[in-house]
Full PDB file with SEQRES, HELIX, SHEET, SSBOND, CRYST1, ORIGX, SCALE, CONECT and MASTER records, all heavy atoms in Angstrom:
SEQRES   1 A   42  GLY ASP GLU GLN MET ILE SER ASP SER VAL GLU ASN ILE          
SEQRES   2 A   42  ASN SER VAL ILE ILE GLU PRO CYS TYR ILE GLY GLU ASN          
SEQRES   3 A   42  VAL ILE LEU LYS ASN THR SER ILE GLY PRO ASN VAL SER          
SEQRES   4 A   42  ILE GLY ASN                                                  
SHEET    1 AA1 2 GLU A  11  ILE A  13  0                                        
SHEET    2 AA1 2 ILE A  28  LYS A  30  1                                        
SHEET    1 AA2 2 VAL A  16  ILE A  17  0                                        
SHEET    2 AA2 2 SER A  33  ILE A  34  1                                        
SHEET    1 AA3 2 CYS A  21  ILE A  23  0                                        
SHEET    2 AA3 2 VAL A  38  ILE A  40  1                                        
CRYST1    1.000    1.000    1.000  90.00  90.00  90.00 P 1           1          
ORIGX1      1.000000  0.000000  0.000000        0.00000                         
ORIGX2      0.000000  1.000000  0.000000        0.00000                         
ORIGX3      0.000000  0.000000  1.000000        0.00000                         
SCALE1      1.000000  0.000000  0.000000        0.00000                         
SCALE2      0.000000  1.000000  0.000000        0.00000                         
SCALE3      0.000000  0.000000  1.000000        0.00000                         
ATOM      1  N   GLY A   1      -2.967  11.088 -24.847  1.00  0.00           N  
ATOM      2  CA  GLY A   1      -3.098  12.510 -24.637  1.00  0.00           C  
ATOM      3  C   GLY A   1      -4.494  13.014 -24.333  1.00  0.00           C  
ATOM      4  O   GLY A   1      -4.766  14.218 -24.453  1.00  0.00           O  
ATOM      5  N   ASP A   2      -5.403  12.100 -23.888  1.00  0.00           N  
ATOM      6  CA  ASP A   2      -6.761  12.547 -23.624  1.00  0.00           C  
ATOM      7  C   ASP A   2      -7.122  12.530 -22.141  1.00  0.00           C  
ATOM      8  O   ASP A   2      -8.296  12.669 -21.799  1.00  0.00           O  
ATOM      9  CB  ASP A   2      -7.772  11.680 -24.400  1.00  0.00           C  
ATOM     10  CG  ASP A   2      -7.594  10.187 -24.143  1.00  0.00           C  
ATOM     11  OD1 ASP A   2      -6.779   9.825 -23.277  1.00  0.00           O  
ATOM     12  OD2 ASP A   2      -8.261   9.391 -24.837  1.00  0.00           O  
ATOM     13  N   GLU A   3      -6.143  12.377 -21.268  1.00  0.00           N  
ATOM     14  CA  GLU A   3      -6.390  12.467 -19.820  1.00  0.00           C  
ATOM     15  C   GLU A   3      -5.363  13.381 -19.201  1.00  0.00           C  
ATOM     16  O   GLU A   3      -4.182  13.371 -19.570  1.00  0.00           O  
ATOM     17  CB  GLU A   3      -6.264  11.096 -19.142  1.00  0.00           C  
ATOM     18  CG  GLU A   3      -7.408  10.142 -19.397  1.00  0.00           C  
ATOM     19  CD  GLU A   3      -7.266   8.876 -18.557  1.00  0.00           C  
ATOM     20  OE1 GLU A   3      -6.881   8.980 -17.378  1.00  0.00           O  
ATOM     21  OE2 GLU A   3      -7.524   7.771 -19.102  1.00  0.00           O  
ATOM     22  N   GLN A   4      -5.807  14.186 -18.227  1.00  0.00           N  
ATOM     23  CA  GLN A   4      -4.867  14.970 -17.449  1.00  0.00           C  
ATOM     24  C   GLN A   4      -4.220  14.062 -16.422  1.00  0.00           C  
ATOM     25  O   GLN A   4      -4.888  13.464 -15.592  1.00  0.00           O  
ATOM     26  CB  GLN A   4      -5.558  16.132 -16.737  1.00  0.00           C  
ATOM     27  CG  GLN A   4      -4.593  17.026 -15.933  1.00  0.00           C  
ATOM     28  CD  GLN A   4      -5.246  18.262 -15.371  1.00  0.00           C  
ATOM     29  OE1 GLN A   4      -6.417  18.516 -15.617  1.00  0.00           O  
ATOM     30  NE2 GLN A   4      -4.503  19.033 -14.597  1.00  0.00           N  
ATOM     31  N   MET A   5      -2.907  13.964 -16.461  1.00  0.00           N  
ATOM     32  CA  MET A   5      -2.205  12.995 -15.625  1.00  0.00           C  
ATOM     33  C   MET A   5      -1.698  13.593 -14.315  1.00  0.00           C  
ATOM     34  O   MET A   5      -1.482  12.878 -13.339  1.00  0.00           O  
ATOM     35  CB  MET A   5      -1.051  12.356 -16.406  1.00  0.00           C  
ATOM     36  CG  MET A   5      -1.518  11.625 -17.661  1.00  0.00           C  
ATOM     37  SD  MET A   5      -0.179  10.853 -18.566  1.00  0.00           S  
ATOM     38  CE  MET A   5       0.278   9.524 -17.423  1.00  0.00           C  
ATOM     39  N   ILE A   6      -1.472  14.895 -14.300  1.00  0.00           N  
ATOM     40  CA  ILE A   6      -0.982  15.555 -13.078  1.00  0.00           C  
ATOM     41  C   ILE A   6      -1.970  16.658 -12.722  1.00  0.00           C  
ATOM     42  O   ILE A   6      -2.165  17.582 -13.494  1.00  0.00           O  
ATOM     43  CB  ILE A   6       0.424  16.094 -13.266  1.00  0.00           C  
ATOM     44  CG1 ILE A   6       1.396  14.969 -13.601  1.00  0.00           C  
ATOM     45  CG2 ILE A   6       0.906  16.844 -12.023  1.00  0.00           C  
ATOM     46  CD1 ILE A   6       2.808  15.409 -13.925  1.00  0.00           C  
ATOM     47  N   SER A   7      -2.586  16.535 -11.561  1.00  0.00           N  
ATOM     48  CA  SER A   7      -3.618  17.485 -11.162  1.00  0.00           C  
ATOM     49  C   SER A   7      -3.061  18.889 -10.999  1.00  0.00           C  
ATOM     50  O   SER A   7      -1.905  19.087 -10.574  1.00  0.00           O  
ATOM     51  CB  SER A   7      -4.246  17.013  -9.846  1.00  0.00           C  
ATOM     52  OG  SER A   7      -5.080  18.005  -9.317  1.00  0.00           O  
ATOM     53  N   ASP A   8      -3.872  19.889 -11.293  1.00  0.00           N  
ATOM     54  CA  ASP A   8      -3.492  21.275 -11.107  1.00  0.00           C  
ATOM     55  C   ASP A   8      -3.314  21.619  -9.619  1.00  0.00           C  
ATOM     56  O   ASP A   8      -2.673  22.622  -9.287  1.00  0.00           O  
ATOM     57  CB  ASP A   8      -4.557  22.206 -11.698  1.00  0.00           C  
ATOM     58  CG  ASP A   8      -4.634  22.092 -13.222  1.00  0.00           C  
ATOM     59  OD1 ASP A   8      -3.622  21.721 -13.836  1.00  0.00           O  
ATOM     60  OD2 ASP A   8      -5.721  22.371 -13.775  1.00  0.00           O  
ATOM     61  N   SER A   9      -3.896  20.796  -8.747  1.00  0.00           N  
ATOM     62  CA  SER A   9      -3.809  21.089  -7.308  1.00  0.00           C  
ATOM     63  C   SER A   9      -2.555  20.548  -6.647  1.00  0.00           C  
ATOM     64  O   SER A   9      -2.363  20.720  -5.439  1.00  0.00           O  
ATOM     65  CB  SER A   9      -5.037  20.536  -6.591  1.00  0.00           C  
ATOM     66  OG  SER A   9      -5.090  19.121  -6.700  1.00  0.00           O  
ATOM     67  N   VAL A  10      -1.669  19.891  -7.409  1.00  0.00           N  
ATOM     68  CA  VAL A  10      -0.430  19.369  -6.846  1.00  0.00           C  
ATOM     69  C   VAL A  10       0.445  20.524  -6.378  1.00  0.00           C  
ATOM     70  O   VAL A  10       0.677  21.491  -7.122  1.00  0.00           O  
ATOM     71  CB  VAL A  10       0.329  18.509  -7.866  1.00  0.00           C  
ATOM     72  CG1 VAL A  10       1.728  18.142  -7.350  1.00  0.00           C  
ATOM     73  CG2 VAL A  10      -0.468  17.241  -8.186  1.00  0.00           C  
ATOM     74  N   GLU A  11       0.942  20.444  -5.140  1.00  0.00           N  
ATOM     75  CA  GLU A  11       1.866  21.441  -4.611  1.00  0.00           C  
ATOM     76  C   GLU A  11       3.288  20.894  -4.707  1.00  0.00           C  
ATOM     77  O   GLU A  11       3.665  19.968  -3.993  1.00  0.00           O  
ATOM     78  CB  GLU A  11       1.521  21.752  -3.147  1.00  0.00           C  
ATOM     79  CG  GLU A  11       2.357  22.887  -2.569  1.00  0.00           C  
ATOM     80  CD  GLU A  11       1.963  23.257  -1.152  1.00  0.00           C  
ATOM     81  OE1 GLU A  11       0.928  22.756  -0.672  1.00  0.00           O  
ATOM     82  OE2 GLU A  11       2.689  24.056  -0.524  1.00  0.00           O  
ATOM     83  N   ASN A  12       4.040  21.485  -5.600  1.00  0.00           N  
ATOM     84  CA  ASN A  12       5.410  21.031  -5.884  1.00  0.00           C  
ATOM     85  C   ASN A  12       6.402  21.975  -5.193  1.00  0.00           C  
ATOM     86  O   ASN A  12       6.573  23.138  -5.608  1.00  0.00           O  
ATOM     87  CB  ASN A  12       5.644  20.993  -7.371  1.00  0.00           C  
ATOM     88  CG  ASN A  12       7.002  20.396  -7.758  1.00  0.00           C  
ATOM     89  OD1 ASN A  12       7.964  20.489  -7.010  1.00  0.00           O  
ATOM     90  ND2 ASN A  12       7.058  19.782  -8.908  1.00  0.00           N  
ATOM     91  N   ILE A  13       7.084  21.456  -4.161  1.00  0.00           N  
ATOM     92  CA  ILE A  13       8.069  22.244  -3.420  1.00  0.00           C  
ATOM     93  C   ILE A  13       9.434  21.627  -3.634  1.00  0.00           C  
ATOM     94  O   ILE A  13       9.756  20.568  -3.078  1.00  0.00           O  
ATOM     95  CB  ILE A  13       7.727  22.277  -1.898  1.00  0.00           C  
ATOM     96  CG1 ILE A  13       6.311  22.797  -1.675  1.00  0.00           C  
ATOM     97  CG2 ILE A  13       8.747  23.118  -1.148  1.00  0.00           C  
ATOM     98  CD1 ILE A  13       5.813  22.626  -0.249  1.00  0.00           C  
ATOM     99  N   ASN A  14      10.218  22.251  -4.530  1.00  0.00           N  
ATOM    100  CA  ASN A  14      11.571  21.767  -4.771  1.00  0.00           C  
ATOM    101  C   ASN A  14      11.621  20.276  -5.123  1.00  0.00           C  
ATOM    102  O   ASN A  14      12.459  19.520  -4.653  1.00  0.00           O  
ATOM    103  CB  ASN A  14      12.460  22.025  -3.545  1.00  0.00           C  
ATOM    104  CG  ASN A  14      13.945  21.888  -3.878  1.00  0.00           C  
ATOM    105  OD1 ASN A  14      14.390  22.206  -4.979  1.00  0.00           O  
ATOM    106  ND2 ASN A  14      14.727  21.381  -2.907  1.00  0.00           N  
ATOM    107  N   SER A  15      10.683  19.864  -6.000  1.00  0.00           N  
ATOM    108  CA  SER A  15      10.591  18.445  -6.364  1.00  0.00           C  
ATOM    109  C   SER A  15      10.636  18.287  -7.889  1.00  0.00           C  
ATOM    110  O   SER A  15      10.368  19.226  -8.630  1.00  0.00           O  
ATOM    111  CB  SER A  15       9.300  17.839  -5.814  1.00  0.00           C  
ATOM    112  OG  SER A  15       9.323  17.843  -4.399  1.00  0.00           O  
ATOM    113  N   VAL A  16      10.965  17.071  -8.324  1.00  0.00           N  
ATOM    114  CA  VAL A  16      11.092  16.754  -9.754  1.00  0.00           C  
ATOM    115  C   VAL A  16      10.116  15.629 -10.080  1.00  0.00           C  
ATOM    116  O   VAL A  16      10.007  14.638  -9.362  1.00  0.00           O  
ATOM    117  CB  VAL A  16      12.537  16.300 -10.086  1.00  0.00           C  
ATOM    118  CG1 VAL A  16      12.623  15.890 -11.537  1.00  0.00           C  
ATOM    119  CG2 VAL A  16      13.518  17.414  -9.782  1.00  0.00           C  
ATOM    120  N   ILE A  17       9.376  15.806 -11.192  1.00  0.00           N  
ATOM    121  CA  ILE A  17       8.473  14.778 -11.673  1.00  0.00           C  
ATOM    122  C   ILE A  17       8.990  14.284 -13.010  1.00  0.00           C  
ATOM    123  O   ILE A  17       9.124  15.063 -13.970  1.00  0.00           O  
ATOM    124  CB  ILE A  17       7.046  15.328 -11.821  1.00  0.00           C  
ATOM    125  CG1 ILE A  17       6.504  15.821 -10.489  1.00  0.00           C  
ATOM    126  CG2 ILE A  17       6.121  14.260 -12.415  1.00  0.00           C  
ATOM    127  CD1 ILE A  17       5.169  16.560 -10.596  1.00  0.00           C  
ATOM    128  N   ILE A  18       9.304  13.001 -13.074  1.00  0.00           N  
ATOM    129  CA  ILE A  18       9.825  12.376 -14.288  1.00  0.00           C  
ATOM    130  C   ILE A  18       8.683  11.572 -14.915  1.00  0.00           C  
ATOM    131  O   ILE A  18       8.270  10.560 -14.377  1.00  0.00           O  
ATOM    132  CB  ILE A  18      11.035  11.474 -13.979  1.00  0.00           C  
ATOM    133  CG1 ILE A  18      12.119  12.260 -13.245  1.00  0.00           C  
ATOM    134  CG2 ILE A  18      11.602  10.864 -15.273  1.00  0.00           C  
ATOM    135  CD1 ILE A  18      13.217  11.398 -12.665  1.00  0.00           C  
ATOM    136  N   GLU A  19       8.161  12.020 -16.024  1.00  0.00           N  
ATOM    137  CA  GLU A  19       7.007  11.391 -16.643  1.00  0.00           C  
ATOM    138  C   GLU A  19       7.398  10.050 -17.287  1.00  0.00           C  
ATOM    139  O   GLU A  19       8.560   9.822 -17.576  1.00  0.00           O  
ATOM    140  CB  GLU A  19       6.395  12.335 -17.695  1.00  0.00           C  
ATOM    141  CG  GLU A  19       5.867  13.625 -17.071  1.00  0.00           C  
ATOM    142  CD  GLU A  19       5.188  14.503 -18.096  1.00  0.00           C  
ATOM    143  OE1 GLU A  19       5.260  14.207 -19.300  1.00  0.00           O  
ATOM    144  OE2 GLU A  19       4.593  15.514 -17.692  1.00  0.00           O  
ATOM    145  N   PRO A  20       6.394   9.162 -17.477  1.00  0.00           N  
ATOM    146  CA  PRO A  20       4.973   9.350 -17.189  1.00  0.00           C  
ATOM    147  C   PRO A  20       4.630   9.076 -15.721  1.00  0.00           C  
ATOM    148  O   PRO A  20       5.137   8.124 -15.132  1.00  0.00           O  
ATOM    149  CB  PRO A  20       4.288   8.332 -18.105  1.00  0.00           C  
ATOM    150  CG  PRO A  20       5.266   7.213 -18.201  1.00  0.00           C  
ATOM    151  CD  PRO A  20       6.631   7.861 -18.173  1.00  0.00           C  
ATOM    152  N   CYS A  21       3.763   9.914 -15.187  1.00  0.00           N  
ATOM    153  CA  CYS A  21       3.258   9.744 -13.818  1.00  0.00           C  
ATOM    154  C   CYS A  21       1.798  10.170 -13.791  1.00  0.00           C  
ATOM    155  O   CYS A  21       1.372  11.035 -14.559  1.00  0.00           O  
ATOM    156  CB  CYS A  21       4.041  10.598 -12.818  1.00  0.00           C  
ATOM    157  SG  CYS A  21       5.728  10.048 -12.496  1.00  0.00           S  
ATOM    158  N   TYR A  22       1.063   9.567 -12.889  1.00  0.00           N  
ATOM    159  CA  TYR A  22      -0.262  10.066 -12.542  1.00  0.00           C  
ATOM    160  C   TYR A  22      -0.196  10.579 -11.103  1.00  0.00           C  
ATOM    161  O   TYR A  22       0.239   9.844 -10.188  1.00  0.00           O  
ATOM    162  CB  TYR A  22      -1.332   8.988 -12.641  1.00  0.00           C  
ATOM    163  CG  TYR A  22      -2.675   9.451 -12.112  1.00  0.00           C  
ATOM    164  CD1 TYR A  22      -3.597  10.074 -12.960  1.00  0.00           C  
ATOM    165  CD2 TYR A  22      -3.005   9.342 -10.755  1.00  0.00           C  
ATOM    166  CE1 TYR A  22      -4.791  10.538 -12.477  1.00  0.00           C  
ATOM    167  CE2 TYR A  22      -4.213   9.813 -10.267  1.00  0.00           C  
ATOM    168  CZ  TYR A  22      -5.093  10.408 -11.136  1.00  0.00           C  
ATOM    169  OH  TYR A  22      -6.286  10.900 -10.658  1.00  0.00           O  
ATOM    170  N   ILE A  23      -0.623  11.837 -10.879  1.00  0.00           N  
ATOM    171  CA  ILE A  23      -0.620  12.423  -9.533  1.00  0.00           C  
ATOM    172  C   ILE A  23      -1.975  13.063  -9.316  1.00  0.00           C  
ATOM    173  O   ILE A  23      -2.401  13.942 -10.057  1.00  0.00           O  
ATOM    174  CB  ILE A  23       0.508  13.438  -9.355  1.00  0.00           C  
ATOM    175  CG1 ILE A  23       1.873  12.804  -9.702  1.00  0.00           C  
ATOM    176  CG2 ILE A  23       0.521  13.955  -7.918  1.00  0.00           C  
ATOM    177  CD1 ILE A  23       3.055  13.736  -9.597  1.00  0.00           C  
ATOM    178  N   GLY A  24      -2.683  12.597  -8.254  1.00  0.00           N  
ATOM    179  CA  GLY A  24      -4.049  13.009  -8.004  1.00  0.00           C  
ATOM    180  C   GLY A  24      -4.182  14.354  -7.352  1.00  0.00           C  
ATOM    181  O   GLY A  24      -3.235  15.170  -7.284  1.00  0.00           O  
ATOM    182  N   GLU A  25      -5.367  14.588  -6.808  1.00  0.00           N  
ATOM    183  CA  GLU A  25      -5.709  15.893  -6.242  1.00  0.00           C  
ATOM    184  C   GLU A  25      -5.063  16.105  -4.873  1.00  0.00           C  
ATOM    185  O   GLU A  25      -4.879  15.177  -4.092  1.00  0.00           O  
ATOM    186  CB  GLU A  25      -7.236  15.981  -6.049  1.00  0.00           C  
ATOM    187  CG  GLU A  25      -8.046  15.855  -7.341  1.00  0.00           C  
ATOM    188  CD  GLU A  25      -7.968  17.104  -8.200  1.00  0.00           C  
ATOM    189  OE1 GLU A  25      -7.599  18.170  -7.674  1.00  0.00           O  
ATOM    190  OE2 GLU A  25      -8.295  17.015  -9.393  1.00  0.00           O  
ATOM    191  N   ASN A  26      -4.676  17.364  -4.628  1.00  0.00           N  
ATOM    192  CA  ASN A  26      -4.210  17.811  -3.304  1.00  0.00           C  
ATOM    193  C   ASN A  26      -3.018  17.012  -2.789  1.00  0.00           C  
ATOM    194  O   ASN A  26      -2.941  16.664  -1.612  1.00  0.00           O  
ATOM    195  CB  ASN A  26      -5.363  17.749  -2.297  1.00  0.00           C  
ATOM    196  CG  ASN A  26      -6.553  18.583  -2.746  1.00  0.00           C  
ATOM    197  OD1 ASN A  26      -6.398  19.726  -3.163  1.00  0.00           O  
ATOM    198  ND2 ASN A  26      -7.749  18.002  -2.677  1.00  0.00           N  
ATOM    199  N   VAL A  27      -2.100  16.723  -3.685  1.00  0.00           N  
ATOM    200  CA  VAL A  27      -0.855  16.035  -3.322  1.00  0.00           C  
ATOM    201  C   VAL A  27       0.220  17.067  -3.056  1.00  0.00           C  
ATOM    202  O   VAL A  27       0.364  18.036  -3.798  1.00  0.00           O  
ATOM    203  CB  VAL A  27      -0.428  15.057  -4.442  1.00  0.00           C  
ATOM    204  CG1 VAL A  27       0.980  14.515  -4.180  1.00  0.00           C  
ATOM    205  CG2 VAL A  27      -1.431  13.927  -4.574  1.00  0.00           C  
ATOM    206  N   ILE A  28       1.005  16.836  -2.015  1.00  0.00           N  
ATOM    207  CA  ILE A  28       2.134  17.705  -1.685  1.00  0.00           C  
ATOM    208  C   ILE A  28       3.428  16.937  -1.911  1.00  0.00           C  
ATOM    209  O   ILE A  28       3.629  15.855  -1.326  1.00  0.00           O  
ATOM    210  CB  ILE A  28       2.060  18.196  -0.217  1.00  0.00           C  
ATOM    211  CG1 ILE A  28       0.778  19.008   0.011  1.00  0.00           C  
ATOM    212  CG2 ILE A  28       3.286  19.032   0.135  1.00  0.00           C  
ATOM    213  CD1 ILE A  28       0.558  19.393   1.455  1.00  0.00           C  
ATOM    214  N   LEU A  29       4.296  17.503  -2.746  1.00  0.00           N  
ATOM    215  CA  LEU A  29       5.613  16.912  -3.002  1.00  0.00           C  
ATOM    216  C   LEU A  29       6.662  17.904  -2.489  1.00  0.00           C  
ATOM    217  O   LEU A  29       6.689  19.063  -2.921  1.00  0.00           O  
ATOM    218  CB  LEU A  29       5.814  16.659  -4.494  1.00  0.00           C  
ATOM    219  CG  LEU A  29       4.765  15.803  -5.200  1.00  0.00           C  
ATOM    220  CD1 LEU A  29       5.059  15.732  -6.680  1.00  0.00           C  
ATOM    221  CD2 LEU A  29       4.701  14.414  -4.603  1.00  0.00           C  
ATOM    222  N   LYS A  30       7.544  17.454  -1.571  1.00  0.00           N  
ATOM    223  CA  LYS A  30       8.551  18.343  -1.012  1.00  0.00           C  
ATOM    224  C   LYS A  30       9.912  17.654  -1.016  1.00  0.00           C  
ATOM    225  O   LYS A  30      10.058  16.563  -0.483  1.00  0.00           O  
ATOM    226  CB  LYS A  30       8.159  18.713   0.438  1.00  0.00           C  
ATOM    227  CG  LYS A  30       9.105  19.725   1.078  1.00  0.00           C  
ATOM    228  CD  LYS A  30       8.612  20.130   2.459  1.00  0.00           C  
ATOM    229  CE  LYS A  30       9.545  21.159   3.098  1.00  0.00           C  
ATOM    230  NZ  LYS A  30       9.076  21.549   4.465  1.00  0.00           N  
ATOM    231  N   ASN A  31      10.858  18.290  -1.698  1.00  0.00           N  
ATOM    232  CA  ASN A  31      12.235  17.770  -1.764  1.00  0.00           C  
ATOM    233  C   ASN A  31      12.231  16.299  -2.221  1.00  0.00           C  
ATOM    234  O   ASN A  31      12.882  15.438  -1.626  1.00  0.00           O  
ATOM    235  CB  ASN A  31      12.935  17.891  -0.411  1.00  0.00           C  
ATOM    236  CG  ASN A  31      12.997  19.320   0.078  1.00  0.00           C  
ATOM    237  OD1 ASN A  31      13.161  20.261  -0.703  1.00  0.00           O  
ATOM    238  ND2 ASN A  31      12.854  19.507   1.377  1.00  0.00           N  
ATOM    239  N   THR A  32      11.520  16.052  -3.303  1.00  0.00           N  
ATOM    240  CA  THR A  32      11.244  14.680  -3.686  1.00  0.00           C  
ATOM    241  C   THR A  32      11.403  14.507  -5.189  1.00  0.00           C  
ATOM    242  O   THR A  32      11.137  15.443  -5.974  1.00  0.00           O  
ATOM    243  CB  THR A  32       9.821  14.292  -3.238  1.00  0.00           C  
ATOM    244  OG1 THR A  32       9.821  14.094  -1.827  1.00  0.00           O  
ATOM    245  CG2 THR A  32       9.333  13.033  -3.898  1.00  0.00           C  
ATOM    246  N   SER A  33      11.810  13.306  -5.598  1.00  0.00           N  
ATOM    247  CA  SER A  33      11.830  12.916  -7.011  1.00  0.00           C  
ATOM    248  C   SER A  33      10.777  11.841  -7.225  1.00  0.00           C  
ATOM    249  O   SER A  33      10.779  10.808  -6.553  1.00  0.00           O  
ATOM    250  CB  SER A  33      13.219  12.385  -7.394  1.00  0.00           C  
ATOM    251  OG  SER A  33      13.205  11.895  -8.727  1.00  0.00           O  
ATOM    252  N   ILE A  34       9.870  12.103  -8.185  1.00  0.00           N  
ATOM    253  CA  ILE A  34       8.794  11.172  -8.493  1.00  0.00           C  
ATOM    254  C   ILE A  34       8.927  10.727  -9.944  1.00  0.00           C  
ATOM    255  O   ILE A  34       8.992  11.542 -10.837  1.00  0.00           O  
ATOM    256  CB  ILE A  34       7.417  11.849  -8.298  1.00  0.00           C  
ATOM    257  CG1 ILE A  34       7.223  12.279  -6.835  1.00  0.00           C  
ATOM    258  CG2 ILE A  34       6.296  10.902  -8.730  1.00  0.00           C  
ATOM    259  CD1 ILE A  34       7.135  11.158  -5.862  1.00  0.00           C  
ATOM    260  N   GLY A  35       8.941   9.408 -10.154  1.00  0.00           N  
ATOM    261  CA  GLY A  35       8.939   8.857 -11.496  1.00  0.00           C  
ATOM    262  C   GLY A  35      10.272   8.316 -11.951  1.00  0.00           C  
ATOM    263  O   GLY A  35      11.278   8.487 -11.252  1.00  0.00           O  
ATOM    264  N   PRO A  36      10.214   7.653 -13.092  1.00  0.00           N  
ATOM    265  CA  PRO A  36       9.046   7.457 -13.943  1.00  0.00           C  
ATOM    266  C   PRO A  36       8.125   6.363 -13.435  1.00  0.00           C  
ATOM    267  O   PRO A  36       8.468   5.634 -12.497  1.00  0.00           O  
ATOM    268  CB  PRO A  36       9.672   7.078 -15.284  1.00  0.00           C  
ATOM    269  CG  PRO A  36      10.937   6.343 -14.891  1.00  0.00           C  
ATOM    270  CD  PRO A  36      11.434   7.054 -13.677  1.00  0.00           C  
ATOM    271  N   ASN A  37       6.973   6.225 -14.086  1.00  0.00           N  
ATOM    272  CA  ASN A  37       6.028   5.136 -13.886  1.00  0.00           C  
ATOM    273  C   ASN A  37       5.518   5.060 -12.447  1.00  0.00           C  
ATOM    274  O   ASN A  37       5.556   4.029 -11.794  1.00  0.00           O  
ATOM    275  CB  ASN A  37       6.663   3.801 -14.270  1.00  0.00           C  
ATOM    276  CG  ASN A  37       7.193   3.800 -15.702  1.00  0.00           C  
ATOM    277  OD1 ASN A  37       6.535   4.321 -16.603  1.00  0.00           O  
ATOM    278  ND2 ASN A  37       8.365   3.251 -15.903  1.00  0.00           N  
ATOM    279  N   VAL A  38       5.034   6.203 -11.948  1.00  0.00           N  
ATOM    280  CA  VAL A  38       4.505   6.275 -10.598  1.00  0.00           C  
ATOM    281  C   VAL A  38       3.065   6.802 -10.656  1.00  0.00           C  
ATOM    282  O   VAL A  38       2.768   7.759 -11.360  1.00  0.00           O  
ATOM    283  CB  VAL A  38       5.360   7.206  -9.709  1.00  0.00           C  
ATOM    284  CG1 VAL A  38       4.684   7.415  -8.344  1.00  0.00           C  
ATOM    285  CG2 VAL A  38       6.748   6.621  -9.519  1.00  0.00           C  
ATOM    286  N   SER A  39       2.164   6.147  -9.901  1.00  0.00           N  
ATOM    287  CA  SER A  39       0.808   6.659  -9.688  1.00  0.00           C  
ATOM    288  C   SER A  39       0.620   6.995  -8.235  1.00  0.00           C  
ATOM    289  O   SER A  39       0.919   6.181  -7.345  1.00  0.00           O  
ATOM    290  CB  SER A  39      -0.222   5.592 -10.108  1.00  0.00           C  
ATOM    291  OG  SER A  39      -0.251   5.417 -11.513  1.00  0.00           O  
ATOM    292  N   ILE A  40       0.116   8.193  -7.975  1.00  0.00           N  
ATOM    293  CA  ILE A  40      -0.122   8.660  -6.607  1.00  0.00           C  
ATOM    294  C   ILE A  40      -1.567   9.107  -6.508  1.00  0.00           C  
ATOM    295  O   ILE A  40      -2.035   9.931  -7.319  1.00  0.00           O  
ATOM    296  CB  ILE A  40       0.831   9.826  -6.243  1.00  0.00           C  
ATOM    297  CG1 ILE A  40       2.277   9.406  -6.391  1.00  0.00           C  
ATOM    298  CG2 ILE A  40       0.552  10.309  -4.831  1.00  0.00           C  
ATOM    299  CD1 ILE A  40       3.274  10.548  -6.236  1.00  0.00           C  
ATOM    300  N   GLY A  41      -2.289   8.603  -5.510  1.00  0.00           N  
ATOM    301  CA  GLY A  41      -3.685   8.960  -5.330  1.00  0.00           C  
ATOM    302  C   GLY A  41      -3.868  10.313  -4.683  1.00  0.00           C  
ATOM    303  O   GLY A  41      -2.907  11.091  -4.487  1.00  0.00           O  
ATOM    304  N   ASN A  42      -5.086  10.644  -4.328  1.00  0.00           N  
ATOM    305  CA  ASN A  42      -5.421  11.938  -3.778  1.00  0.00           C  
ATOM    306  C   ASN A  42      -4.920  12.106  -2.346  1.00  0.00           C  
ATOM    307  O   ASN A  42      -4.774  11.136  -1.590  1.00  0.00           O  
ATOM    308  CB  ASN A  42      -6.937  12.139  -3.790  1.00  0.00           C  
ATOM    309  CG  ASN A  42      -7.520  12.102  -5.183  1.00  0.00           C  
ATOM    310  OD1 ASN A  42      -6.859  12.438  -6.173  1.00  0.00           O  
ATOM    311  ND2 ASN A  42      -8.764  11.683  -5.280  1.00  0.00           N  
TER     312      ASN A  42                                                      
MASTER        0    0    0    0    6    0    0    6  311    1    0    4          
END                                                                             
Protein backbone atom coordinates (compact mmCIF):
# COMPACT_ATOMS: atom_id res chain seq x y z
CA GLY A 1 0.00 0.00 0.00
CA ASP A 2 2.92 2.42 -0.36
CA GLU A 3 2.90 2.91 -4.15
CA GLN A 4 0.29 4.43 -6.42
CA MET A 5 -0.46 1.68 -8.90
CA ILE A 6 -2.84 3.45 -11.29
CA SER A 7 -1.86 6.92 -12.47
CA ASP A 8 -4.30 9.79 -12.07
CA SER A 9 -3.72 10.61 -15.74
CA VAL A 10 -5.27 7.35 -17.01
CA GLU A 11 -8.21 8.05 -19.33
CA ASN A 12 -10.81 5.35 -18.75
CA ILE A 13 -13.50 5.21 -21.46
CA ASN A 14 -16.03 2.46 -20.80
CA SER A 15 -13.30 0.15 -19.48
CA VAL A 16 -12.85 -2.15 -16.49
CA ILE A 17 -9.69 -2.50 -14.39
CA ILE A 18 -9.41 -5.71 -12.36
CA GLU A 19 -6.73 -5.28 -9.70
CA PRO A 20 -3.91 -5.75 -9.07
CA CYS A 21 -2.61 -3.74 -12.01
CA TYR A 22 0.02 -1.12 -12.62
CA ILE A 23 -0.98 1.52 -15.20
CA GLY A 24 1.43 4.34 -16.03
CA GLU A 25 1.06 7.94 -17.11
CA ASN A 26 -1.13 9.14 -19.99
CA VAL A 27 -2.65 5.74 -20.77
CA ILE A 28 -5.94 5.59 -22.69
CA LEU A 29 -8.26 2.63 -22.11
CA LYS A 30 -11.31 2.39 -24.39
CA ASN A 31 -13.89 -0.42 -24.34
CA THR A 32 -11.31 -2.62 -22.69
CA SER A 33 -10.88 -5.01 -19.76
CA ILE A 34 -7.52 -4.84 -18.00
CA GLY A 35 -6.36 -7.34 -15.38
CA PRO A 36 -5.74 -8.99 -13.18
CA ASN A 37 -1.93 -8.98 -13.02
CA VAL A 38 -1.25 -6.50 -15.82
CA SER A 39 1.47 -3.83 -16.00
CA ILE A 40 1.13 -1.08 -18.61
CA GLY A 41 3.82 1.55 -19.21
CA ASN A 42 3.42 5.21 -20.06
